[in-house]
PDB file of N, CA and C in Angstrom:
ATOM      1  N   UNK A   1     -18.083 -14.542  33.613  1.00  0.00           N
ATOM      2  CA  UNK A   1     -19.724 -14.320  34.318  1.00  0.00           C
ATOM      3  C   UNK A   1     -19.497 -14.245  35.620  1.00  0.00           C
ATOM      4  N   UNK A   2     -20.290 -14.145  36.201  1.00  0.00           N
ATOM      5  CA  UNK A   2     -20.263 -13.523  37.438  1.00  0.00           C
ATOM      6  C   UNK A   2     -20.916 -14.846  38.544  1.00  0.00           C
ATOM      7  N   UNK A   3     -21.708 -15.532  38.267  1.00  0.00           N
ATOM      8  CA  UNK A   3     -22.343 -16.571  38.554  1.00  0.00           C
ATOM      9  C   UNK A   3     -22.552 -17.684  37.830  1.00  0.00           C
ATOM     10  N   UNK A   4     -21.964 -18.846  37.256  1.00  0.00           N
ATOM     11  CA  UNK A   4     -22.153 -20.020  36.496  1.00  0.00           C
ATOM     12  C   UNK A   4     -23.335 -20.589  37.188  1.00  0.00           C
ATOM     13  N   UNK A   5     -23.139 -21.036  38.775  1.00  0.00           N
ATOM     14  CA  UNK A   5     -24.365 -21.681  39.063  1.00  0.00           C
ATOM     15  C   UNK A   5     -25.701 -21.285  39.160  1.00  0.00           C
ATOM     16  N   UNK A   6     -25.316 -19.705  39.137  1.00  0.00           N
ATOM     17  CA  UNK A   6     -26.692 -18.853  38.889  1.00  0.00           C
ATOM     18  C   UNK A   6     -27.453 -19.273  37.772  1.00  0.00           C
ATOM     19  N   UNK A   7     -26.756 -19.186  36.872  1.00  0.00           N
ATOM     20  CA  UNK A   7     -27.333 -19.621  35.232  1.00  0.00           C
ATOM     21  C   UNK A   7     -27.306 -20.674  35.167  1.00  0.00           C
ATOM     22  N   UNK A   8     -26.840 -21.837  35.769  1.00  0.00           N
ATOM     23  CA  UNK A   8     -27.117 -23.172  35.639  1.00  0.00           C
ATOM     24  C   UNK A   8     -28.690 -23.444  36.107  1.00  0.00           C
ATOM     25  N   UNK A   9     -28.532 -22.883  37.656  1.00  0.00           N
ATOM     26  CA  UNK A   9     -30.109 -23.368  38.341  1.00  0.00           C
ATOM     27  C   UNK A   9     -31.295 -23.011  37.330  1.00  0.00           C
ATOM     28  N   UNK A  10     -30.837 -21.635  36.762  1.00  0.00           N
ATOM     29  CA  UNK A  10     -32.183 -20.607  35.339  1.00  0.00           C
ATOM     30  C   UNK A  10     -33.048 -21.940  34.533  1.00  0.00           C
ATOM     31  N   UNK A  11     -31.059 -22.483  33.829  1.00  0.00           N
ATOM     32  CA  UNK A  11     -31.594 -23.340  32.891  1.00  0.00           C
ATOM     33  C   UNK A  11     -32.134 -24.443  32.979  1.00  0.00           C
ATOM     34  N   UNK A  12     -32.273 -25.309  34.416  1.00  0.00           N
ATOM     35  CA  UNK A  12     -32.608 -26.012  34.809  1.00  0.00           C
ATOM     36  C   UNK A  12     -34.132 -25.958  34.637  1.00  0.00           C
ATOM     37  N   UNK A  13     -34.697 -24.760  35.100  1.00  0.00           N
ATOM     38  CA  UNK A  13     -36.106 -24.607  34.783  1.00  0.00           C
ATOM     39  C   UNK A  13     -36.695 -24.850  33.968  1.00  0.00           C
ATOM     40  N   UNK A  14     -36.250 -24.090  32.535  1.00  0.00           N
ATOM     41  CA  UNK A  14     -36.385 -24.110  31.887  1.00  0.00           C
ATOM     42  C   UNK A  14     -37.203 -25.485  30.820  1.00  0.00           C
ATOM     43  N   UNK A  15     -38.306 -25.271  30.277  1.00  0.00           N
ATOM     44  CA  UNK A  15     -38.656 -26.986  29.573  1.00  0.00           C
ATOM     45  C   UNK A  15     -37.856 -27.177  28.341  1.00  0.00           C
ATOM     46  N   UNK A  16     -36.697 -26.498  28.081  1.00  0.00           N
ATOM     47  CA  UNK A  16     -36.326 -27.102  26.622  1.00  0.00           C
ATOM     48  C   UNK A  16     -35.324 -28.582  26.914  1.00  0.00           C
ATOM     49  N   UNK A  17     -35.441 -29.607  25.604  1.00  0.00           N
ATOM     50  CA  UNK A  17     -35.130 -30.619  26.449  1.00  0.00           C
ATOM     51  C   UNK A  17     -33.511 -31.058  26.174  1.00  0.00           C
ATOM     52  N   UNK A  18     -33.180 -29.791  25.398  1.00  0.00           N
ATOM     53  CA  UNK A  18     -31.518 -30.038  25.075  1.00  0.00           C
ATOM     54  C   UNK A  18     -30.909 -28.491  25.797  1.00  0.00           C
ATOM     55  N   UNK A  19     -31.201 -28.064  26.596  1.00  0.00           N
ATOM     56  CA  UNK A  19     -30.291 -27.386  27.111  1.00  0.00           C
ATOM     57  C   UNK A  19     -30.385 -27.739  29.446  1.00  0.00           C
ATOM     58  N   UNK A  20     -29.614 -28.957  29.555  1.00  0.00           N
ATOM     59  CA  UNK A  20     -29.393 -29.916  30.360  1.00  0.00           C
ATOM     60  C   UNK A  20     -28.014 -29.660  30.211  1.00  0.00           C
ATOM     61  N   UNK A  21     -27.176 -28.869  30.273  1.00  0.00           N
ATOM     62  CA  UNK A  21     -25.918 -28.598  31.126  1.00  0.00           C
ATOM     63  C   UNK A  21     -25.549 -29.035  32.359  1.00  0.00           C
ATOM     64  N   UNK A  22     -24.384 -29.269  32.525  1.00  0.00           N
ATOM     65  CA  UNK A  22     -23.320 -29.603  33.680  1.00  0.00           C
ATOM     66  C   UNK A  22     -22.328 -28.531  34.320  1.00  0.00           C
ATOM     67  N   UNK A  23     -22.155 -28.317  35.266  1.00  0.00           N
ATOM     68  CA  UNK A  23     -21.243 -27.346  35.545  1.00  0.00           C
ATOM     69  C   UNK A  23     -19.597 -28.404  35.799  1.00  0.00           C
ATOM     70  N   UNK A  24     -18.755 -27.970  35.303  1.00  0.00           N
ATOM     71  CA  UNK A  24     -17.491 -28.632  35.213  1.00  0.00           C
ATOM     72  C   UNK A  24     -16.803 -27.700  36.322  1.00  0.00           C
ATOM     73  N   UNK A  25     -17.430 -28.388  37.368  1.00  0.00           N
ATOM     74  CA  UNK A  25     -16.294 -27.339  38.268  1.00  0.00           C
ATOM     75  C   UNK A  25     -14.633 -27.449  39.202  1.00  0.00           C
ATOM     76  N   UNK A  26     -14.320 -28.100  38.328  1.00  0.00           N
ATOM     77  CA  UNK A  26     -12.903 -27.947  38.454  1.00  0.00           C
ATOM     78  C   UNK A  26     -11.890 -27.567  36.954  1.00  0.00           C
ATOM     79  N   UNK A  27     -12.951 -27.091  35.973  1.00  0.00           N
ATOM     80  CA  UNK A  27     -12.561 -27.078  34.564  1.00  0.00           C
ATOM     81  C   UNK A  27     -10.686 -25.602  35.044  1.00  0.00           C
ATOM     82  N   UNK A  28      -9.922 -25.473  34.382  1.00  0.00           N
ATOM     83  CA  UNK A  28      -8.641 -25.119  34.782  1.00  0.00           C
ATOM     84  C   UNK A  28      -8.681 -23.416  34.900  1.00  0.00           C
ATOM     85  N   UNK A  29     -10.062 -23.024  34.090  1.00  0.00           N
ATOM     86  CA  UNK A  29     -10.330 -21.151  34.459  1.00  0.00           C
ATOM     87  C   UNK A  29     -11.224 -21.247  35.412  1.00  0.00           C
ATOM     88  N   UNK A  30     -11.713 -21.908  36.200  1.00  0.00           N
ATOM     89  CA  UNK A  30     -12.986 -21.863  37.563  1.00  0.00           C
ATOM     90  C   UNK A  30     -14.031 -22.705  36.960  1.00  0.00           C
ATOM     91  N   UNK A  31     -15.021 -22.684  37.172  1.00  0.00           N
ATOM     92  CA  UNK A  31     -16.356 -23.384  36.860  1.00  0.00           C
ATOM     93  C   UNK A  31     -16.710 -22.679  35.376  1.00  0.00           C
ATOM     94  N   UNK A  32     -17.058 -23.992  34.643  1.00  0.00           N
ATOM     95  CA  UNK A  32     -17.236 -23.326  33.456  1.00  0.00           C
ATOM     96  C   UNK A  32     -18.137 -24.602  32.865  1.00  0.00           C
ATOM     97  N   UNK A  33     -19.402 -23.834  32.527  1.00  0.00           N
ATOM     98  CA  UNK A  33     -20.449 -24.340  31.590  1.00  0.00           C
ATOM     99  C   UNK A  33     -20.791 -24.103  29.675  1.00  0.00           C
ATOM    100  N   UNK A  34     -20.715 -25.444  29.554  1.00  0.00           N
ATOM    101  CA  UNK A  34     -21.242 -25.479  27.799  1.00  0.00           C
ATOM    102  C   UNK A  34     -22.727 -25.408  27.512  1.00  0.00           C
ATOM    103  N   UNK A  35     -22.888 -25.003  26.773  1.00  0.00           N
ATOM    104  CA  UNK A  35     -24.147 -24.917  26.251  1.00  0.00           C
ATOM    105  C   UNK A  35     -24.514 -24.917  24.306  1.00  0.00           C
ATOM    106  N   UNK A  36     -24.800 -26.104  24.062  1.00  0.00           N
ATOM    107  CA  UNK A  36     -25.042 -25.922  22.735  1.00  0.00           C
ATOM    108  C   UNK A  36     -26.094 -24.699  22.275  1.00  0.00           C
ATOM    109  N   UNK A  37     -26.035 -24.339  21.228  1.00  0.00           N
ATOM    110  CA  UNK A  37     -26.980 -23.045  20.038  1.00  0.00           C
ATOM    111  C   UNK A  37     -27.633 -24.113  19.589  1.00  0.00           C
ATOM    112  N   UNK A  38     -29.027 -23.162  18.698  1.00  0.00           N
ATOM    113  CA  UNK A  38     -29.298 -24.037  17.882  1.00  0.00           C
ATOM    114  C   UNK A  38     -28.628 -24.345  16.307  1.00  0.00           C
ATOM    115  N   UNK A  39     -27.625 -23.533  16.317  1.00  0.00           N
ATOM    116  CA  UNK A  39     -26.746 -23.669  15.020  1.00  0.00           C
ATOM    117  C   UNK A  39     -25.527 -24.355  14.796  1.00  0.00           C
ATOM    118  N   UNK A  40     -25.457 -25.162  16.135  1.00  0.00           N
ATOM    119  CA  UNK A  40     -24.563 -26.651  16.184  1.00  0.00           C
ATOM    120  C   UNK A  40     -23.242 -25.515  16.931  1.00  0.00           C
ATOM    121  N   UNK A  41     -23.311 -23.997  17.155  1.00  0.00           N
ATOM    122  CA  UNK A  41     -22.329 -23.592  18.293  1.00  0.00           C
ATOM    123  C   UNK A  41     -22.025 -24.338  19.789  1.00  0.00           C
ATOM    124  N   UNK A  42     -20.913 -24.162  19.941  1.00  0.00           N
ATOM    125  CA  UNK A  42     -21.053 -24.434  21.681  1.00  0.00           C
ATOM    126  C   UNK A  42     -20.688 -22.989  22.321  1.00  0.00           C
ATOM    127  N   UNK A  43     -21.364 -22.624  23.376  1.00  0.00           N
ATOM    128  CA  UNK A  43     -21.551 -21.579  24.049  1.00  0.00           C
ATOM    129  C   UNK A  43     -20.782 -21.957  25.182  1.00  0.00           C
ATOM    130  N   UNK A  44     -19.496 -21.322  25.584  1.00  0.00           N
ATOM    131  CA  UNK A  44     -19.027 -21.641  26.561  1.00  0.00           C
ATOM    132  C   UNK A  44     -19.106 -20.044  27.984  1.00  0.00           C
ATOM    133  N   UNK A  45     -19.416 -20.659  29.498  1.00  0.00           N
ATOM    134  CA  UNK A  45     -19.868 -19.512  30.357  1.00  0.00           C
ATOM    135  C   UNK A  45     -18.623 -19.972  31.225  1.00  0.00           C
ATOM    136  N   UNK A  46     -17.664 -19.293  31.674  1.00  0.00           N
ATOM    137  CA  UNK A  46     -16.780 -19.528  32.609  1.00  0.00           C
ATOM    138  C   UNK A  46     -16.672 -18.187  33.752  1.00  0.00           C
ATOM    139  N   UNK A  47     -16.376 -18.826  35.018  1.00  0.00           N
ATOM    140  CA  UNK A  47     -16.736 -18.382  36.281  1.00  0.00           C
ATOM    141  C   UNK A  47     -14.896 -17.874  36.807  1.00  0.00           C
ATOM    142  N   UNK A  48     -14.483 -16.982  36.728  1.00  0.00           N
ATOM    143  CA  UNK A  48     -13.217 -16.673  36.927  1.00  0.00           C
ATOM    144  C   UNK A  48     -13.033 -17.515  38.544  1.00  0.00           C
ATOM    145  N   UNK A  49     -11.942 -17.999  38.942  1.00  0.00           N
ATOM    146  CA  UNK A  49     -11.860 -18.798  40.515  1.00  0.00           C
ATOM    147  C   UNK A  49     -11.095 -16.822  41.020  1.00  0.00           C
ATOM    148  N   UNK A  50     -11.589 -17.279  42.272  1.00  0.00           N
ATOM    149  CA  UNK A  50     -11.132 -16.241  43.707  1.00  0.00           C
ATOM    150  C   UNK A  50      -9.777 -16.123  43.628  1.00  0.00           C
ATOM    151  N   UNK A  51      -8.882 -15.229  43.474  1.00  0.00           N
ATOM    152  CA  UNK A  51      -7.756 -14.863  43.735  1.00  0.00           C
ATOM    153  C   UNK A  51      -7.297 -14.362  45.411  1.00  0.00           C
TER     154      UNK A  51
END
């Protein structure tokens, strides 16, 4: 995705208590954020590192 930190900032404005993810800045594929969905799955959003 283009901007993981922008999505993170948007999610923090929402009132849902379970959606308070962090961003792993030094993940192997670039900044990464994981969010659990209501069905127990984990959604992973990654921003490719600039080359």
